[in-house]
């Protein structure tokens, strides 16, 4: 009976949590809207993107509801724990952040947006800390952490391209890398009915190199420096790393396909 209750309670808790996060993001966007007087065009961008994004996250969580368990004990959860709620808050904020940064080109909201970005980055520290301190490391938590990292980098890439901080060819190379990652995850999910969070050395190097490049580009923007050759060289180095990472990801994908799927 307890297992039946858990199976029924978890989807309800997932739906309630995602609904609350969606409402919170609407309130945040509404607050910015009322303070600076956004025109309706930004609401027509924000609402469909945020709605679709939250629906996708909801579907993903429901598909992976069997991964809501504590890895050290195997205890199954009937609700989203605190660490995963913090991770979800970061994921949920991605559409809001994207549209606000776009609006910042027209409205004077850059400082509040920077504060929002800082808070989003802080959540990346707290969710891991809480999960380890309370012995609440879950399988779904690892999946969500990977999703949040990729979502953040995709949003940052769109922002950097929007402000022309990175060249178009590099933007599309980065998006292609993440697109391939998403495609492989979808295929593995269809074949194995689950995804094992797995990072390769080149995968970690690729993500780190992109973040270093973005940090350099932000410094260049703050200092209002010209497009020095150093930045161009950095972009080409990152591009080479991404291309190598794509081939590494392809090899890793086929190795996973060949290996025997893990027991559920």
Protein backbone atom coordinates (compact mmCIF):
# COMPACT_ATOMS: atom_id res chain seq x y z
CA UNK A 1 0.00 0.00 0.00
CA UNK A 2 2.88 2.35 0.87
CA UNK A 3 4.44 1.82 -2.56
CA UNK A 4 1.11 2.56 -4.24
CA UNK A 5 0.80 5.77 -2.21
CA UNK A 6 4.33 6.81 -3.21
CA UNK A 7 3.61 6.14 -6.88
CA UNK A 8 0.49 8.33 -6.64
CA UNK A 9 2.01 11.09 -4.47
CA UNK A 10 5.20 11.69 -6.46
CA UNK A 11 3.55 12.77 -9.76
CA UNK A 12 1.22 15.09 -7.83
CA UNK A 13 4.17 16.63 -6.01
CA UNK A 14 6.08 17.05 -9.30
CA UNK A 15 3.11 18.77 -10.93
CA UNK A 16 2.55 21.03 -7.91
CA UNK A 17 6.23 21.98 -7.68
CA UNK A 18 6.56 22.82 -11.38
CA UNK A 19 3.31 24.81 -11.27
CA UNK A 20 4.61 26.86 -8.34
CA UNK A 21 7.91 27.50 -10.10
CA UNK A 22 6.09 28.64 -13.24
CA UNK A 23 3.95 31.06 -11.20
CA UNK A 24 7.05 32.38 -9.39
CA UNK A 25 8.80 33.05 -12.72
CA UNK A 26 5.71 34.88 -13.98
CA UNK A 27 5.72 37.01 -10.80
CA UNK A 28 9.42 37.83 -11.26
CA UNK A 29 8.84 38.82 -14.86
CA UNK A 30 5.74 40.80 -13.91
CA UNK A 31 7.74 42.68 -11.27
CA UNK A 32 10.32 43.73 -13.85
CA UNK A 33 7.50 44.56 -16.24
CA UNK A 34 5.71 46.85 -13.79
CA UNK A 35 8.87 48.61 -12.64
CA UNK A 36 10.30 49.47 -16.06
CA UNK A 37 7.15 49.26 -18.19
CA UNK A 38 7.85 46.41 -20.59
CA UNK A 39 5.91 46.52 -23.76
CA UNK A 40 3.64 43.57 -24.58
CA UNK A 41 6.19 42.20 -27.04
CA UNK A 42 8.29 40.77 -24.21
CA UNK A 43 5.30 39.05 -22.64
CA UNK A 44 4.52 37.42 -25.98
CA UNK A 45 8.10 36.10 -25.97
CA UNK A 46 8.26 35.11 -22.30
CA UNK A 47 4.94 33.29 -21.85
CA UNK A 48 5.20 30.71 -24.66
CA UNK A 49 8.91 30.04 -23.98
CA UNK A 50 8.46 29.67 -20.21
CA UNK A 51 5.25 27.63 -20.56
CA UNK A 52 6.78 25.23 -23.08
CA UNK A 53 9.99 24.92 -21.08
CA UNK A 54 8.17 24.06 -17.84
CA UNK A 55 6.00 21.52 -19.65
CA UNK A 56 9.14 19.85 -21.03
CA UNK A 57 10.69 19.69 -17.54
CA UNK A 58 7.42 18.28 -16.17
CA UNK A 59 7.36 15.53 -18.81
CA UNK A 60 11.03 14.71 -18.14
CA UNK A 61 10.49 14.42 -14.38
CA UNK A 62 7.45 12.20 -14.85
CA UNK A 63 9.37 9.96 -17.25
CA UNK A 64 12.22 9.64 -14.75
CA UNK A 65 10.11 9.25 -11.61
CA UNK A 66 11.80 5.89 -10.90
CA UNK A 67 15.06 7.81 -10.38
CA UNK A 68 13.69 9.65 -7.35
CA UNK A 69 15.65 7.66 -4.80
CA UNK A 70 18.60 8.26 -2.46
CA UNK A 71 21.64 6.57 -3.95
CA UNK A 72 23.33 5.64 -0.66
CA UNK A 73 20.28 3.86 0.81
CA UNK A 74 18.05 3.10 -2.16
CA UNK A 75 15.16 4.81 -0.37
CA UNK A 76 12.49 5.88 -2.84
CA UNK A 77 11.04 9.38 -2.51
CA UNK A 78 7.40 10.41 -2.64
CA UNK A 79 8.27 14.06 -3.22
CA UNK A 80 11.04 16.30 -4.55
CA UNK A 81 13.64 16.87 -1.84
CA UNK A 82 15.19 20.23 -0.92
CA UNK A 83 18.39 19.86 -2.96
CA UNK A 84 16.44 19.01 -6.11
CA UNK A 85 14.02 21.88 -5.49
CA UNK A 86 16.99 24.26 -5.50
CA UNK A 87 18.28 22.71 -8.74
CA UNK A 88 14.83 23.02 -10.29
CA UNK A 89 14.68 26.69 -9.28
CA UNK A 90 17.81 27.24 -11.38
CA UNK A 91 16.42 25.33 -14.35
CA UNK A 92 13.05 27.09 -14.08
CA UNK A 93 14.66 30.52 -14.24
CA UNK A 94 16.39 29.99 -17.60
CA UNK A 95 13.56 31.35 -19.86
CA UNK A 96 13.09 34.34 -17.53
CA UNK A 97 16.79 35.12 -17.59
CA UNK A 98 16.94 34.83 -21.38
CA UNK A 99 14.06 37.24 -22.04
CA UNK A 100 15.18 39.73 -19.37
CA UNK A 101 18.67 39.91 -20.87
CA UNK A 102 17.13 40.54 -24.29
CA UNK A 103 14.98 43.29 -22.77
CA UNK A 104 18.04 44.78 -21.03
CA UNK A 105 19.24 45.99 -24.42
CA UNK A 106 16.29 48.38 -24.49
CA UNK A 107 15.55 48.96 -20.78
CA UNK A 108 17.82 49.95 -17.86
CA UNK A 109 17.65 46.66 -15.94
CA UNK A 110 21.20 45.37 -16.32
CA UNK A 111 22.12 45.65 -12.61
CA UNK A 112 18.98 43.76 -11.40
CA UNK A 113 19.56 41.16 -14.10
CA UNK A 114 23.19 40.74 -12.99
CA UNK A 115 21.95 40.21 -9.42
CA UNK A 116 19.51 37.59 -10.71
CA UNK A 117 22.33 35.85 -12.60
CA UNK A 118 24.47 35.85 -9.43
CA UNK A 119 21.64 34.26 -7.44
CA UNK A 120 21.18 31.61 -10.13
CA UNK A 121 24.89 30.76 -9.98
CA UNK A 122 24.72 30.52 -6.16
CA UNK A 123 22.06 27.82 -6.39
CA UNK A 124 24.59 25.63 -8.23
CA UNK A 125 26.71 25.67 -5.06
CA UNK A 126 23.93 25.19 -2.52
CA UNK A 127 22.10 22.23 -4.08
CA UNK A 128 25.24 20.07 -4.16
CA UNK A 129 26.25 21.15 -0.66
CA UNK A 130 22.84 20.36 0.83
CA UNK A 131 22.52 17.00 -0.92
CA UNK A 132 25.93 15.88 0.40
CA UNK A 133 25.53 17.29 3.92
CA UNK A 134 22.10 15.69 4.41
CA UNK A 135 23.00 12.46 2.59
CA UNK A 136 20.26 13.20 0.05
CA UNK A 137 22.19 12.58 -3.18
CA UNK A 138 19.65 11.22 -5.66
CA UNK A 139 19.81 9.78 -9.15
CA UNK A 140 17.35 12.38 -10.43
CA UNK A 141 19.48 15.08 -8.81
CA UNK A 142 22.47 14.15 -10.97
CA UNK A 143 20.30 14.20 -14.09
CA UNK A 144 18.82 17.59 -13.16
CA UNK A 145 22.27 19.00 -12.41
CA UNK A 146 23.46 18.04 -15.90
CA UNK A 147 20.30 19.47 -17.47
CA UNK A 148 20.74 22.74 -15.56
CA UNK A 149 24.39 23.08 -16.63
CA UNK A 150 23.51 22.56 -20.30
CA UNK A 151 20.47 24.83 -20.09
CA UNK A 152 22.58 27.59 -18.52
CA UNK A 153 25.27 27.34 -21.20
CA UNK A 154 22.69 27.37 -24.00
CA UNK A 155 21.02 30.46 -22.52
CA UNK A 156 24.40 32.17 -22.07
CA UNK A 157 25.34 31.29 -25.66
CA UNK A 158 22.14 32.86 -26.98
CA UNK A 159 22.77 35.94 -24.82
CA UNK A 160 26.38 36.27 -26.00
CA UNK A 161 25.33 35.93 -29.63
CA UNK A 162 22.51 38.44 -29.12
CA UNK A 163 25.01 41.01 -27.83
CA UNK A 164 27.55 39.97 -30.52
CA UNK A 165 30.11 38.98 -27.88
CA UNK A 166 30.93 35.81 -29.81
CA UNK A 167 31.02 35.28 -33.60
CA UNK A 168 28.07 33.60 -35.27
CA UNK A 169 30.08 30.58 -36.46
CA UNK A 170 31.18 29.82 -32.88
CA UNK A 171 27.62 30.18 -31.58
CA UNK A 172 26.32 27.63 -34.09
CA UNK A 173 29.20 25.27 -33.31
CA UNK A 174 28.32 25.40 -29.60
CA UNK A 175 24.61 24.90 -30.32
CA UNK A 176 25.46 21.97 -32.62
CA UNK A 177 27.47 20.37 -29.78
CA UNK A 178 24.54 20.65 -27.38
CA UNK A 179 22.10 19.55 -30.07
CA UNK A 180 24.09 16.36 -30.62
CA UNK A 181 24.13 15.79 -26.86
CA UNK A 182 20.34 16.21 -26.68
CA UNK A 183 19.82 13.86 -29.64
CA UNK A 184 21.97 11.13 -28.11
CA UNK A 185 20.18 11.47 -24.77
CA UNK A 186 16.82 11.13 -26.51
CA UNK A 187 17.97 8.02 -28.38
CA UNK A 188 19.34 6.42 -25.20
CA UNK A 189 16.11 7.23 -23.39
CA UNK A 190 14.10 5.49 -26.12
CA UNK A 191 16.39 2.45 -26.21
CA UNK A 192 17.20 2.01 -22.52
CA UNK A 193 14.14 3.78 -21.06
CA UNK A 194 16.50 5.73 -18.81
CA UNK A 195 19.60 7.93 -18.89
CA UNK A 196 22.74 7.30 -16.88
CA UNK A 197 24.44 10.65 -16.08
CA UNK A 198 27.92 10.13 -17.52
CA UNK A 199 30.65 12.64 -18.24
CA UNK A 200 33.79 12.04 -20.28
CA UNK A 201 37.07 13.88 -19.77
CA UNK A 202 36.64 15.75 -23.07
CA UNK A 203 33.07 16.61 -22.13
CA UNK A 204 34.27 18.29 -18.95
CA UNK A 205 37.08 20.06 -20.83
CA UNK A 206 34.59 21.32 -23.43
CA UNK A 207 32.23 22.78 -20.83
CA UNK A 208 35.11 24.32 -18.86
CA UNK A 209 36.65 25.88 -21.99
CA UNK A 210 33.33 27.49 -22.98
CA UNK A 211 32.90 28.94 -19.48
CA UNK A 212 36.48 30.31 -19.51
CA UNK A 213 35.87 31.91 -22.91
CA UNK A 214 32.61 33.48 -21.71
CA UNK A 215 34.41 34.84 -18.64
CA UNK A 216 37.03 36.44 -20.91
CA UNK A 217 34.30 37.92 -23.11
CA UNK A 218 32.56 39.42 -20.07
CA UNK A 219 35.86 40.95 -18.90
CA UNK A 220 36.36 42.38 -22.39
CA UNK A 221 32.87 43.89 -22.30
CA UNK A 222 33.39 45.41 -18.82
CA UNK A 223 36.78 46.88 -19.76
CA UNK A 224 35.39 47.92 -23.16
CA UNK A 225 38.46 46.40 -24.74
CA UNK A 226 38.80 46.06 -28.49
CA UNK A 227 38.64 42.70 -30.23
CA UNK A 228 42.26 41.87 -29.53
CA UNK A 229 43.94 38.94 -31.24
CA UNK A 230 44.08 37.16 -27.86
CA UNK A 231 40.28 36.82 -27.85
CA UNK A 232 40.25 35.57 -31.44
CA UNK A 233 42.87 32.93 -30.58
CA UNK A 234 40.86 31.91 -27.50
CA UNK A 235 37.76 31.48 -29.65
CA UNK A 236 39.59 29.24 -32.12
CA UNK A 237 41.10 27.15 -29.31
CA UNK A 238 37.64 26.62 -27.83
CA UNK A 239 36.27 25.78 -31.28
CA UNK A 240 38.94 23.08 -31.76
CA UNK A 241 38.15 21.67 -28.30
CA UNK A 242 34.43 21.59 -29.15
CA UNK A 243 35.06 19.73 -32.44
CA UNK A 244 37.22 17.16 -30.63
CA UNK A 245 34.52 16.93 -27.97
CA UNK A 246 31.87 16.21 -30.62
CA UNK A 247 33.85 13.22 -31.93
CA UNK A 248 34.45 12.09 -28.34
CA UNK A 249 30.71 12.33 -27.62
CA UNK A 250 29.92 10.27 -30.74
CA UNK A 251 32.42 7.58 -29.68
CA UNK A 252 31.01 7.55 -26.14
CA UNK A 253 27.47 7.21 -27.50
CA UNK A 254 28.30 4.13 -29.58
CA UNK A 255 30.21 2.59 -26.66
CA UNK A 256 27.09 3.03 -24.52
CA UNK A 257 24.90 1.50 -27.23
CA UNK A 258 27.18 -1.54 -27.44
CA UNK A 259 27.33 -2.05 -23.68
CA UNK A 260 24.62 -3.94 -21.85
CA UNK A 261 22.00 -1.58 -20.36
CA UNK A 262 21.96 -1.38 -16.58
CA UNK A 263 19.18 -3.09 -14.71
CA UNK A 264 16.40 -0.76 -13.57
